[in-house]
Amino acid sequence: MPRAPDLHRTTIDIDKDAFAEAREVLGTTGYKETVNRALREVTRQERLRQAAGIIRSGELGVTTPEQLAELRRPRY
């Protein structure tokens, strides 16, 4: 069965405990699904971290969580 051109077949050693924990956290079943989901999740979290940094820097002109909290602060 031919593989899609964007896939790469390889052999790696995987820590069984780390795999079991990742599988549980991700809700996946097999090795392939777990590894692929973990790789996508790592890059997704990094993109979110970078986006949060840009928002907090004020570069986008978006209200930061800190600014929003200050705006919502009760004034007497």
PDB file of N, CA and C in Angstrom:
ATOM      1  N   MET A   1       0.844  -1.183   0.000  1.00  0.00           N
ATOM      2  CA  MET A   1       0.000   0.000   0.000  1.00  0.00           C
ATOM      3  C   MET A   1       0.885   1.239   0.000  1.00  0.00           C
ATOM      4  N   PRO A   2       0.806   2.097  -0.987  1.00  0.00           N
ATOM      5  CA  PRO A   2       1.655   3.290  -1.050  1.00  0.00           C
ATOM      6  C   PRO A   2       1.263   4.300   0.028  1.00  0.00           C
ATOM      7  N   ARG A   3       2.277   4.982   0.572  1.00  0.00           N
ATOM      8  CA  ARG A   3       2.059   6.003   1.593  1.00  0.00           C
ATOM      9  C   ARG A   3       1.931   7.365   0.927  1.00  0.00           C
ATOM     10  N   ALA A   4       1.245   8.248   1.608  1.00  0.00           N
ATOM     11  CA  ALA A   4       1.135   9.628   1.122  1.00  0.00           C
ATOM     12  C   ALA A   4       2.522  10.260   1.111  1.00  0.00           C
ATOM     13  N   PRO A   5       2.801  11.155   0.171  1.00  0.00           N
ATOM     14  CA  PRO A   5       4.141  11.744   0.046  1.00  0.00           C
ATOM     15  C   PRO A   5       4.576  12.572   1.262  1.00  0.00           C
ATOM     16  N   ASP A   6       3.633  13.017   2.112  1.00  0.00           N
ATOM     17  CA  ASP A   6       4.018  13.847   3.256  1.00  0.00           C
ATOM     18  C   ASP A   6       4.296  13.027   4.511  1.00  0.00           C
ATOM     19  N   LEU A   7       4.377  11.707   4.388  1.00  0.00           N
ATOM     20  CA  LEU A   7       4.673  10.848   5.524  1.00  0.00           C
ATOM     21  C   LEU A   7       6.090  10.327   5.430  1.00  0.00           C
ATOM     22  N   HIS A   8       6.680  10.061   6.597  1.00  0.00           N
ATOM     23  CA  HIS A   8       8.023   9.505   6.651  1.00  0.00           C
ATOM     24  C   HIS A   8       7.993   8.311   7.599  1.00  0.00           C
ATOM     25  N   ARG A   9       8.419   7.190   7.133  1.00  0.00           N
ATOM     26  CA  ARG A   9       8.440   5.985   7.951  1.00  0.00           C
ATOM     27  C   ARG A   9       9.805   5.884   8.614  1.00  0.00           C
ATOM     28  N   THR A  10       9.798   5.606   9.937  1.00  0.00           N
ATOM     29  CA  THR A  10      11.043   5.503  10.688  1.00  0.00           C
ATOM     30  C   THR A  10      10.857   4.571  11.873  1.00  0.00           C
ATOM     31  N   THR A  11      11.946   4.170  12.458  1.00  0.00           N
ATOM     32  CA  THR A  11      11.908   3.353  13.660  1.00  0.00           C
ATOM     33  C   THR A  11      12.540   4.154  14.787  1.00  0.00           C
ATOM     34  N   ILE A  12      11.835   4.261  15.912  1.00  0.00           N
ATOM     35  CA  ILE A  12      12.365   5.002  17.059  1.00  0.00           C
ATOM     36  C   ILE A  12      12.097   4.207  18.331  1.00  0.00           C
ATOM     37  N   ASP A  13      12.906   4.471  19.356  1.00  0.00           N
ATOM     38  CA  ASP A  13      12.674   3.897  20.674  1.00  0.00           C
ATOM     39  C   ASP A  13      11.793   4.878  21.437  1.00  0.00           C
ATOM     40  N   ILE A  14      10.714   4.375  22.021  1.00  0.00           N
ATOM     41  CA  ILE A  14       9.770   5.227  22.737  1.00  0.00           C
ATOM     42  C   ILE A  14       9.681   4.765  24.185  1.00  0.00           C
ATOM     43  N   ASP A  15       9.816   5.721  25.097  1.00  0.00           N
ATOM     44  CA  ASP A  15       9.680   5.445  26.526  1.00  0.00           C
ATOM     45  C   ASP A  15       8.235   4.998  26.783  1.00  0.00           C
ATOM     46  N   LYS A  16       8.060   3.780  27.304  1.00  0.00           N
ATOM     47  CA  LYS A  16       6.714   3.226  27.476  1.00  0.00           C
ATOM     48  C   LYS A  16       5.874   4.024  28.456  1.00  0.00           C
ATOM     49  N   ASP A  17       6.485   4.496  29.545  1.00  0.00           N
ATOM     50  CA  ASP A  17       5.728   5.269  30.525  1.00  0.00           C
ATOM     51  C   ASP A  17       5.297   6.622  29.951  1.00  0.00           C
ATOM     52  N   ALA A  18       6.208   7.286  29.252  1.00  0.00           N
ATOM     53  CA  ALA A  18       5.876   8.573  28.644  1.00  0.00           C
ATOM     54  C   ALA A  18       4.795   8.390  27.589  1.00  0.00           C
ATOM     55  N   PHE A  19       4.895   7.300  26.818  1.00  0.00           N
ATOM     56  CA  PHE A  19       3.886   7.027  25.796  1.00  0.00           C
ATOM     57  C   PHE A  19       2.521   6.796  26.430  1.00  0.00           C
ATOM     58  N   ALA A  20       2.493   5.983  27.494  1.00  0.00           N
ATOM     59  CA  ALA A  20       1.216   5.686  28.157  1.00  0.00           C
ATOM     60  C   ALA A  20       0.584   6.957  28.710  1.00  0.00           C
ATOM     61  N   GLU A  21       1.395   7.811  29.288  1.00  0.00           N
ATOM     62  CA  GLU A  21       0.872   9.066  29.832  1.00  0.00           C
ATOM     63  C   GLU A  21       0.360   9.973  28.714  1.00  0.00           C
ATOM     64  N   ALA A  22       1.126  10.094  27.643  1.00  0.00           N
ATOM     65  CA  ALA A  22       0.705  10.924  26.513  1.00  0.00           C
ATOM     66  C   ALA A  22      -0.584  10.381  25.905  1.00  0.00           C
ATOM     67  N   ARG A  23      -0.668   9.078  25.756  1.00  0.00           N
ATOM     68  CA  ARG A  23      -1.865   8.460  25.185  1.00  0.00           C
ATOM     69  C   ARG A  23      -3.081   8.767  26.045  1.00  0.00           C
ATOM     70  N   GLU A  24      -2.913   8.711  27.353  1.00  0.00           N
ATOM     71  CA  GLU A  24      -4.026   9.001  28.255  1.00  0.00           C
ATOM     72  C   GLU A  24      -4.445  10.470  28.161  1.00  0.00           C
ATOM     73  N   VAL A  25      -3.460  11.364  28.175  1.00  0.00           N
ATOM     74  CA  VAL A  25      -3.742  12.805  28.107  1.00  0.00           C
ATOM     75  C   VAL A  25      -4.405  13.165  26.786  1.00  0.00           C
ATOM     76  N   LEU A  26      -3.900  12.583  25.699  1.00  0.00           N
ATOM     77  CA  LEU A  26      -4.407  12.925  24.371  1.00  0.00           C
ATOM     78  C   LEU A  26      -5.664  12.165  23.983  1.00  0.00           C
ATOM     79  N   GLY A  27      -5.956  11.085  24.705  1.00  0.00           N
ATOM     80  CA  GLY A  27      -7.128  10.278  24.369  1.00  0.00           C
ATOM     81  C   GLY A  27      -6.943   9.489  23.087  1.00  0.00           C
ATOM     82  N   THR A  28      -5.708   9.076  22.824  1.00  0.00           N
ATOM     83  CA  THR A  28      -5.409   8.327  21.609  1.00  0.00           C
ATOM     84  C   THR A  28      -5.215   6.850  21.949  1.00  0.00           C
ATOM     85  N   THR A  29      -5.039   6.018  20.902  1.00  0.00           N
ATOM     86  CA  THR A  29      -4.906   4.587  21.158  1.00  0.00           C
ATOM     87  C   THR A  29      -3.567   4.024  20.712  1.00  0.00           C
ATOM     88  N   GLY A  30      -3.224   4.146  19.457  1.00  0.00           N
ATOM     89  CA  GLY A  30      -2.015   3.508  18.942  1.00  0.00           C
ATOM     90  C   GLY A  30      -0.804   4.419  18.938  1.00  0.00           C
ATOM     91  N   TYR A  31       0.341   3.829  18.612  1.00  0.00           N
ATOM     92  CA  TYR A  31       1.590   4.581  18.562  1.00  0.00           C
ATOM     93  C   TYR A  31       1.531   5.696  17.527  1.00  0.00           C
ATOM     94  N   LYS A  32       1.132   5.372  16.331  1.00  0.00           N
ATOM     95  CA  LYS A  32       1.118   6.353  15.251  1.00  0.00           C
ATOM     96  C   LYS A  32       0.222   7.537  15.597  1.00  0.00           C
ATOM     97  N   GLU A  33      -0.982   7.251  16.041  1.00  0.00           N
ATOM     98  CA  GLU A  33      -1.926   8.310  16.386  1.00  0.00           C
ATOM     99  C   GLU A  33      -1.390   9.167  17.534  1.00  0.00           C
ATOM    100  N   THR A  34      -0.836   8.528  18.542  1.00  0.00           N
ATOM    101  CA  THR A  34      -0.331   9.249  19.711  1.00  0.00           C
ATOM    102  C   THR A  34       0.853  10.139  19.356  1.00  0.00           C
ATOM    103  N   VAL A  35       1.806   9.607  18.619  1.00  0.00           N
ATOM    104  CA  VAL A  35       2.987  10.390  18.248  1.00  0.00           C
ATOM    105  C   VAL A  35       2.588  11.556  17.353  1.00  0.00           C
ATOM    106  N   ASN A  36       1.756  11.311  16.349  1.00  0.00           N
ATOM    107  CA  ASN A  36       1.338  12.387  15.448  1.00  0.00           C
ATOM    108  C   ASN A  36       0.549  13.457  16.188  1.00  0.00           C
ATOM    109  N   ARG A  37      -0.358  13.050  17.071  1.00  0.00           N
ATOM    110  CA  ARG A  37      -1.146  14.024  17.841  1.00  0.00           C
ATOM    111  C   ARG A  37      -0.240  14.816  18.775  1.00  0.00           C
ATOM    112  N   ALA A  38       0.729  14.155  19.404  1.00  0.00           N
ATOM    113  CA  ALA A  38       1.647  14.847  20.309  1.00  0.00           C
ATOM    114  C   ALA A  38       2.473  15.883  19.552  1.00  0.00           C
ATOM    115  N   LEU A  39       2.944  15.531  18.372  1.00  0.00           N
ATOM    116  CA  LEU A  39       3.716  16.479  17.569  1.00  0.00           C
ATOM    117  C   LEU A  39       2.872  17.693  17.189  1.00  0.00           C
ATOM    118  N   ARG A  40       1.640  17.445  16.778  1.00  0.00           N
ATOM    119  CA  ARG A  40       0.754  18.568  16.423  1.00  0.00           C
ATOM    120  C   ARG A  40       0.438  19.424  17.640  1.00  0.00           C
ATOM    121  N   GLU A  41       0.254  18.789  18.790  1.00  0.00           N
ATOM    122  CA  GLU A  41      -0.073  19.520  20.016  1.00  0.00           C
ATOM    123  C   GLU A  41       1.091  20.402  20.467  1.00  0.00           C
ATOM    124  N   VAL A  42       2.299  19.916  20.354  1.00  0.00           N
ATOM    125  CA  VAL A  42       3.472  20.709  20.727  1.00  0.00           C
ATOM    126  C   VAL A  42       3.553  21.961  19.867  1.00  0.00           C
ATOM    127  N   THR A  43       3.369  21.818  18.575  1.00  0.00           N
ATOM    128  CA  THR A  43       3.455  22.990  17.698  1.00  0.00           C
ATOM    129  C   THR A  43       2.270  23.925  17.909  1.00  0.00           C
ATOM    130  N   ARG A  44       1.092  23.386  18.199  1.00  0.00           N
ATOM    131  CA  ARG A  44      -0.083  24.221  18.474  1.00  0.00           C
ATOM    132  C   ARG A  44       0.152  25.061  19.723  1.00  0.00           C
ATOM    133  N   GLN A  45       0.673  24.428  20.777  1.00  0.00           N
ATOM    134  CA  GLN A  45       0.925  25.161  22.014  1.00  0.00           C
ATOM    135  C   GLN A  45       1.977  26.241  21.821  1.00  0.00           C
ATOM    136  N   GLU A  46       2.991  25.972  21.019  1.00  0.00           N
ATOM    137  CA  GLU A  46       4.016  26.988  20.756  1.00  0.00           C
ATOM    138  C   GLU A  46       3.419  28.170  19.992  1.00  0.00           C
ATOM    139  N   ARG A  47       2.563  27.897  19.010  1.00  0.00           N
ATOM    140  CA  ARG A  47       1.919  28.991  18.272  1.00  0.00           C
ATOM    141  C   ARG A  47       1.043  29.824  19.204  1.00  0.00           C
ATOM    142  N   LEU A  48       0.327  29.171  20.121  1.00  0.00           N
ATOM    143  CA  LEU A  48      -0.503  29.892  21.089  1.00  0.00           C
ATOM    144  C   LEU A  48       0.367  30.741  22.018  1.00  0.00           C
ATOM    145  N   ARG A  49       1.511  30.190  22.464  1.00  0.00           N
ATOM    146  CA  ARG A  49       2.411  30.920  23.333  1.00  0.00           C
ATOM    147  C   ARG A  49       2.940  32.160  22.622  1.00  0.00           C
ATOM    148  N   GLN A  50       3.312  32.002  21.359  1.00  0.00           N
ATOM    149  CA  GLN A  50       3.814  33.140  20.587  1.00  0.00           C
ATOM    150  C   GLN A  50       2.723  34.192  20.385  1.00  0.00           C
ATOM    151  N   ALA A  51       1.522  33.755  20.086  1.00  0.00           N
ATOM    152  CA  ALA A  51       0.409  34.686  19.890  1.00  0.00           C
ATOM    153  C   ALA A  51       0.109  35.445  21.178  1.00  0.00           C
ATOM    154  N   ALA A  52       0.137  34.754  22.309  1.00  0.00           N
ATOM    155  CA  ALA A  52      -0.102  35.415  23.596  1.00  0.00           C
ATOM    156  C   ALA A  52       0.972  36.461  23.857  1.00  0.00           C
ATOM    157  N   GLY A  53       2.204  36.152  23.511  1.00  0.00           N
ATOM    158  CA  GLY A  53       3.291  37.116  23.677  1.00  0.00           C
ATOM    159  C   GLY A  53       3.083  38.358  22.836  1.00  0.00           C
ATOM    160  N   ILE A  54       2.622  38.178  21.622  1.00  0.00           N
ATOM    161  CA  ILE A  54       2.354  39.321  20.735  1.00  0.00           C
ATOM    162  C   ILE A  54       1.215  40.162  21.301  1.00  0.00           C
ATOM    163  N   ILE A  55       0.170  39.514  21.782  1.00  0.00           N
ATOM    164  CA  ILE A  55      -0.965  40.245  22.359  1.00  0.00           C
ATOM    165  C   ILE A  55      -0.511  41.016  23.591  1.00  0.00           C
ATOM    166  N   ARG A  56       0.248  40.357  24.475  1.00  0.00           N
ATOM    167  CA  ARG A  56       0.711  41.027  25.691  1.00  0.00           C
ATOM    168  C   ARG A  56       1.673  42.173  25.392  1.00  0.00           C
ATOM    169  N   SER A  57       2.392  42.100  24.296  1.00  0.00           N
ATOM    170  CA  SER A  57       3.345  43.159  23.961  1.00  0.00           C
ATOM    171  C   SER A  57       2.638  44.432  23.510  1.00  0.00           C
ATOM    172  N   GLY A  58       1.375  44.305  23.123  1.00  0.00           N
ATOM    173  CA  GLY A  58       0.629  45.463  22.653  1.00  0.00           C
ATOM    174  C   GLY A  58       0.782  45.722  21.167  1.00  0.00           C
ATOM    175  N   GLU A  59       1.527  44.880  20.469  1.00  0.00           N
ATOM    176  CA  GLU A  59       1.771  45.075  19.037  1.00  0.00           C
ATOM    177  C   GLU A  59       0.490  45.044  18.207  1.00  0.00           C
ATOM    178  N   LEU A  60      -0.517  44.334  18.666  1.00  0.00           N
ATOM    179  CA  LEU A  60      -1.750  44.212  17.890  1.00  0.00           C
ATOM    180  C   LEU A  60      -2.788  45.269  18.248  1.00  0.00           C
ATOM    181  N   GLY A  61      -2.568  45.977  19.318  1.00  0.00           N
ATOM    182  CA  GLY A  61      -3.557  46.951  19.753  1.00  0.00           C
ATOM    183  C   GLY A  61      -4.777  46.290  20.370  1.00  0.00           C
ATOM    184  N   VAL A  62      -4.618  45.052  20.829  1.00  0.00           N
ATOM    185  CA  VAL A  62      -5.699  44.296  21.468  1.00  0.00           C
ATOM    186  C   VAL A  62      -5.572  44.464  22.973  1.00  0.00           C
ATOM    187  N   THR A  63      -6.682  44.558  23.656  1.00  0.00           N
ATOM    188  CA  THR A  63      -6.673  44.684  25.108  1.00  0.00           C
ATOM    189  C   THR A  63      -6.078  43.427  25.730  1.00  0.00           C
ATOM    190  N   THR A  64      -5.085  43.607  26.607  1.00  0.00           N
ATOM    191  CA  THR A  64      -4.450  42.471  27.279  1.00  0.00           C
ATOM    192  C   THR A  64      -5.332  42.018  28.436  1.00  0.00           C
ATOM    193  N   PRO A  65      -5.126  40.808  28.934  1.00  0.00           N
ATOM    194  CA  PRO A  65      -5.892  40.354  30.105  1.00  0.00           C
ATOM    195  C   PRO A  65      -5.716  41.295  31.300  1.00  0.00           C
ATOM    196  N   GLU A  66      -4.524  41.821  31.477  1.00  0.00           N
ATOM    197  CA  GLU A  66      -4.285  42.744  32.585  1.00  0.00           C
ATOM    198  C   GLU A  66      -5.073  44.038  32.401  1.00  0.00           C
ATOM    199  N   GLN A  67      -5.083  44.561  31.179  1.00  0.00           N
ATOM    200  CA  GLN A  67      -5.837  45.778  30.895  1.00  0.00           C
ATOM    201  C   GLN A  67      -7.336  45.532  31.077  1.00  0.00           C
ATOM    202  N   LEU A  68      -7.807  44.388  30.648  1.00  0.00           N
ATOM    203  CA  LEU A  68      -9.211  44.046  30.794  1.00  0.00           C
ATOM    204  C   LEU A  68      -9.595  43.967  32.272  1.00  0.00           C
ATOM    205  N   ALA A  69      -8.745  43.347  33.082  1.00  0.00           N
ATOM    206  CA  ALA A  69      -9.007  43.263  34.524  1.00  0.00           C
ATOM    207  C   ALA A  69      -9.088  44.663  35.122  1.00  0.00           C
ATOM    208  N   GLU A  70      -8.202  45.553  34.706  1.00  0.00           N
ATOM    209  CA  GLU A  70      -8.221  46.933  35.208  1.00  0.00           C
ATOM    210  C   GLU A  70      -9.501  47.646  34.773  1.00  0.00           C
ATOM    211  N   LEU A  71      -9.926  47.432  33.539  1.00  0.00           N
ATOM    212  CA  LEU A  71     -11.161  48.058  33.066  1.00  0.00           C
ATOM    213  C   LEU A  71     -12.382  47.543  33.830  1.00  0.00           C
ATOM    214  N   ARG A  72     -12.329  46.293  34.265  1.00  0.00           N
ATOM    215  CA  ARG A  72     -13.468  45.695  34.976  1.00  0.00           C
ATOM    216  C   ARG A  72     -13.433  45.972  36.480  1.00  0.00           C
ATOM    217  N   ARG A  73     -12.333  46.557  36.960  1.00  0.00           N
ATOM    218  CA  ARG A  73     -12.176  46.824  38.392  1.00  0.00           C
ATOM    219  C   ARG A  73     -13.250  47.799  38.853  1.00  0.00           C
ATOM    220  N   PRO A  74     -13.910  47.470  39.992  1.00  0.00           N
ATOM    221  CA  PRO A  74     -14.945  48.377  40.491  1.00  0.00           C
ATOM    222  C   PRO A  74     -14.345  49.735  40.864  1.00  0.00           C
ATOM    223  N   ARG A  75     -15.067  50.778  40.539  1.00  0.00           N
ATOM    224  CA  ARG A  75     -14.619  52.133  40.866  1.00  0.00           C
ATOM    225  C   ARG A  75     -15.666  52.757  41.797  1.00  0.00           C
ATOM    226  N   TYR A  76     -15.165  53.378  42.815  1.00  0.00           N
ATOM    227  CA  TYR A  76     -16.080  53.971  43.812  1.00  0.00           C
ATOM    228  C   TYR A  76     -15.990  55.456  43.807  1.00  0.00           C
TER     229      TYR A  76
END
